[in-house]
Amino acid sequence: MENIEYIIQVMVIGFSGVMAILFVLYGILIIFSRIFNHKEKNNTLEIPDQRLIAAITAAVYQYLLTNNNYIVPGDVSIAVQPSRNTGSSRWQLMGRKMLLDSKLELTNIRRKKHHESI
């Protein structure tokens, strides 16, 4: 019976010692995290103009379609204009726009959660 009491006493003291050391290490990690990863709290995520996004997307798409050996002499300019006669109804266009907007919003929320910047 004396051995069981001794074993339980050693187990409780050892467990509490390990937990105390882990708590101190966690506190040190928090302190170092605040010292070395100090960021501005008012870091707002700016959403670029949708026409700029469309122009970049069009440029990347055009680059992927062309042969890699093709070199354009001079500057390349891309004009973004609304398309006419898309064959889609206004409901489809509004739904597509809402889906793209919600996807962008979810991406921004995910980036804010992980403290990522663009």
C-alpha atoms as a PDB file:
ATOM      1  CA  MET A   1       0.000   0.000   0.000  1.00  0.00           C
ATOM      2  CA  GLU A   2       2.893   2.351   0.718  1.00  0.00           C
ATOM      3  CA  ASN A   3       4.256   1.842  -2.788  1.00  0.00           C
ATOM      4  CA  ILE A   4       0.991   2.940  -4.448  1.00  0.00           C
ATOM      5  CA  GLU A   5       0.886   6.155  -2.431  1.00  0.00           C
ATOM      6  CA  TYR A   6       4.517   6.879  -3.323  1.00  0.00           C
ATOM      7  CA  ILE A   7       3.862   6.182  -7.027  1.00  0.00           C
ATOM      8  CA  ILE A   8       0.817   8.491  -7.102  1.00  0.00           C
ATOM      9  CA  GLN A   9       2.773  11.203  -5.280  1.00  0.00           C
ATOM     10  CA  VAL A  10       5.662  10.996  -7.779  1.00  0.00           C
ATOM     11  CA  MET A  11       3.217  11.002 -10.698  1.00  0.00           C
ATOM     12  CA  VAL A  12       1.331  14.094  -9.455  1.00  0.00           C
ATOM     13  CA  ILE A  13       4.525  16.025  -8.667  1.00  0.00           C
ATOM     14  CA  GLY A  14       6.086  15.074 -12.013  1.00  0.00           C
ATOM     15  CA  PHE A  15       2.963  15.962 -13.982  1.00  0.00           C
ATOM     16  CA  SER A  16       2.559  19.323 -12.261  1.00  0.00           C
ATOM     17  CA  GLY A  17       6.260  20.090 -12.827  1.00  0.00           C
ATOM     18  CA  VAL A  18       6.013  19.307 -16.532  1.00  0.00           C
ATOM     19  CA  MET A  19       2.857  21.425 -16.871  1.00  0.00           C
ATOM     20  CA  ALA A  20       4.516  24.354 -15.075  1.00  0.00           C
ATOM     21  CA  ILE A  21       7.534  24.195 -17.391  1.00  0.00           C
ATOM     22  CA  LEU A  22       5.278  24.022 -20.460  1.00  0.00           C
ATOM     23  CA  PHE A  23       3.307  27.037 -19.210  1.00  0.00           C
ATOM     24  CA  VAL A  24       6.528  29.033 -18.800  1.00  0.00           C
ATOM     25  CA  LEU A  25       7.702  28.046 -22.307  1.00  0.00           C
ATOM     26  CA  TYR A  26       4.330  29.076 -23.748  1.00  0.00           C
ATOM     27  CA  GLY A  27       4.662  32.466 -22.067  1.00  0.00           C
ATOM     28  CA  ILE A  28       8.147  32.894 -23.539  1.00  0.00           C
ATOM     29  CA  LEU A  29       6.808  32.038 -27.011  1.00  0.00           C
ATOM     30  CA  ILE A  30       4.062  34.649 -26.665  1.00  0.00           C
ATOM     31  CA  ILE A  31       6.556  37.305 -25.566  1.00  0.00           C
ATOM     32  CA  PHE A  32       8.924  36.567 -28.469  1.00  0.00           C
ATOM     33  CA  SER A  33       6.006  36.489 -30.908  1.00  0.00           C
ATOM     34  CA  ARG A  34       4.890  39.958 -29.834  1.00  0.00           C
ATOM     35  CA  ILE A  35       8.422  41.347 -29.955  1.00  0.00           C
ATOM     36  CA  PHE A  36       9.534  39.994 -33.326  1.00  0.00           C
ATOM     37  CA  ASN A  37       6.237  39.843 -35.247  1.00  0.00           C
ATOM     38  CA  HIS A  38       4.908  43.279 -34.386  1.00  0.00           C
ATOM     39  CA  LYS A  39       2.530  44.347 -37.156  1.00  0.00           C
ATOM     40  CA  GLU A  40       0.226  47.293 -37.547  1.00  0.00           C
ATOM     41  CA  LYS A  41      -3.251  46.596 -36.230  1.00  0.00           C
ATOM     42  CA  ASN A  42      -4.928  48.855 -38.788  1.00  0.00           C
ATOM     43  CA  ASN A  43      -3.653  46.897 -41.766  1.00  0.00           C
ATOM     44  CA  THR A  44      -6.508  47.135 -44.261  1.00  0.00           C
ATOM     45  CA  LEU A  45      -6.682  44.940 -47.298  1.00  0.00           C
ATOM     46  CA  GLU A  46      -7.240  46.995 -50.422  1.00  0.00           C
ATOM     47  CA  ILE A  47      -9.202  45.450 -53.238  1.00  0.00           C
ATOM     48  CA  PRO A  48      -7.904  46.581 -56.636  1.00  0.00           C
ATOM     49  CA  ASP A  49     -10.168  47.926 -59.351  1.00  0.00           C
ATOM     50  CA  GLN A  50     -12.113  45.183 -61.119  1.00  0.00           C
ATOM     51  CA  ARG A  51     -11.028  46.512 -64.506  1.00  0.00           C
ATOM     52  CA  LEU A  52      -7.408  46.075 -63.440  1.00  0.00           C
ATOM     53  CA  ILE A  53      -8.142  42.489 -62.400  1.00  0.00           C
ATOM     54  CA  ALA A  54      -9.802  41.866 -65.768  1.00  0.00           C
ATOM     55  CA  ALA A  55      -6.824  43.337 -67.631  1.00  0.00           C
ATOM     56  CA  ILE A  56      -4.321  41.206 -65.724  1.00  0.00           C
ATOM     57  CA  THR A  57      -6.434  38.104 -66.256  1.00  0.00           C
ATOM     58  CA  ALA A  58      -6.714  38.832 -69.979  1.00  0.00           C
ATOM     59  CA  ALA A  59      -2.954  39.356 -70.238  1.00  0.00           C
ATOM     60  CA  VAL A  60      -2.173  36.074 -68.483  1.00  0.00           C
ATOM     61  CA  TYR A  61      -4.750  34.228 -70.577  1.00  0.00           C
ATOM     62  CA  GLN A  62      -3.356  35.667 -73.809  1.00  0.00           C
ATOM     63  CA  TYR A  63       0.187  34.770 -72.731  1.00  0.00           C
ATOM     64  CA  LEU A  64      -0.839  31.187 -72.030  1.00  0.00           C
ATOM     65  CA  LEU A  65      -2.502  30.911 -75.449  1.00  0.00           C
ATOM     66  CA  THR A  66       0.460  32.186 -77.418  1.00  0.00           C
ATOM     67  CA  ASN A  67       3.656  30.364 -78.116  1.00  0.00           C
ATOM     68  CA  ASN A  68       6.397  31.096 -75.606  1.00  0.00           C
ATOM     69  CA  ASN A  69       8.787  32.012 -78.446  1.00  0.00           C
ATOM     70  CA  TYR A  70       6.554  34.879 -79.564  1.00  0.00           C
ATOM     71  CA  ILE A  71       8.013  38.210 -78.441  1.00  0.00           C
ATOM     72  CA  VAL A  72       5.900  41.342 -78.730  1.00  0.00           C
ATOM     73  CA  PRO A  73       7.918  44.354 -79.883  1.00  0.00           C
ATOM     74  CA  GLY A  74       7.285  47.398 -77.699  1.00  0.00           C
ATOM     75  CA  ASP A  75       4.681  47.824 -75.003  1.00  0.00           C
ATOM     76  CA  VAL A  76       1.523  45.771 -74.874  1.00  0.00           C
ATOM     77  CA  SER A  77      -1.743  47.541 -74.156  1.00  0.00           C
ATOM     78  CA  ILE A  78      -4.979  45.844 -73.222  1.00  0.00           C
ATOM     79  CA  ALA A  79      -8.337  47.588 -73.445  1.00  0.00           C
ATOM     80  CA  VAL A  80     -11.124  46.286 -71.253  1.00  0.00           C
ATOM     81  CA  GLN A  81     -14.600  46.939 -72.569  1.00  0.00           C
ATOM     82  CA  PRO A  82     -17.926  45.448 -71.518  1.00  0.00           C
ATOM     83  CA  SER A  83     -18.994  42.743 -73.910  1.00  0.00           C
ATOM     84  CA  ARG A  84     -22.200  43.029 -75.887  1.00  0.00           C
ATOM     85  CA  ASN A  85     -24.637  40.306 -76.812  1.00  0.00           C
ATOM     86  CA  THR A  86     -23.189  37.710 -74.481  1.00  0.00           C
ATOM     87  CA  GLY A  87     -26.219  35.505 -74.976  1.00  0.00           C
ATOM     88  CA  SER A  88     -26.750  35.346 -71.227  1.00  0.00           C
ATOM     89  CA  SER A  89     -29.667  36.770 -69.394  1.00  0.00           C
ATOM     90  CA  ARG A  90     -29.284  39.466 -66.769  1.00  0.00           C
ATOM     91  CA  TRP A  91     -30.114  36.895 -64.078  1.00  0.00           C
ATOM     92  CA  GLN A  92     -27.196  34.708 -65.124  1.00  0.00           C
ATOM     93  CA  LEU A  93     -24.823  37.657 -65.243  1.00  0.00           C
ATOM     94  CA  MET A  94     -25.940  38.881 -61.818  1.00  0.00           C
ATOM     95  CA  GLY A  95     -25.576  35.381 -60.376  1.00  0.00           C
ATOM     96  CA  ARG A  96     -22.100  35.008 -61.854  1.00  0.00           C
ATOM     97  CA  LYS A  97     -21.089  38.398 -60.472  1.00  0.00           C
ATOM     98  CA  MET A  98     -22.429  37.492 -57.005  1.00  0.00           C
ATOM     99  CA  LEU A  99     -20.480  34.217 -57.053  1.00  0.00           C
ATOM    100  CA  LEU A 100     -17.248  35.970 -57.995  1.00  0.00           C
ATOM    101  CA  ASP A 101     -17.781  38.669 -55.363  1.00  0.00           C
ATOM    102  CA  SER A 102     -18.481  36.116 -52.631  1.00  0.00           C
ATOM    103  CA  LYS A 103     -15.410  34.091 -53.641  1.00  0.00           C
ATOM    104  CA  LEU A 104     -13.262  37.228 -53.397  1.00  0.00           C
ATOM    105  CA  GLU A 105     -14.790  38.059 -50.016  1.00  0.00           C
ATOM    106  CA  LEU A 106     -14.092  34.551 -48.688  1.00  0.00           C
ATOM    107  CA  THR A 107     -10.509  34.777 -49.923  1.00  0.00           C
ATOM    108  CA  ASN A 108     -10.054  38.089 -48.110  1.00  0.00           C
ATOM    109  CA  ILE A 109     -11.513  36.638 -44.896  1.00  0.00           C
ATOM    110  CA  ARG A 110      -9.174  33.643 -45.146  1.00  0.00           C
ATOM    111  CA  ARG A 111      -6.179  35.938 -45.677  1.00  0.00           C
ATOM    112  CA  LYS A 112      -7.131  38.100 -42.713  1.00  0.00           C
ATOM    113  CA  LYS A 113      -7.467  34.960 -40.588  1.00  0.00           C
ATOM    114  CA  HIS A 114      -3.933  33.852 -41.479  1.00  0.00           C
ATOM    115  CA  HIS A 115      -2.556  37.425 -41.423  1.00  0.00           C
ATOM    116  CA  GLU A 116      -1.455  37.187 -45.061  1.00  0.00           C
ATOM    117  CA  SER A 117      -0.909  40.154 -47.293  1.00  0.00           C
ATOM    118  CA  ILE A 118      -1.126  40.317 -51.044  1.00  0.00           C
END
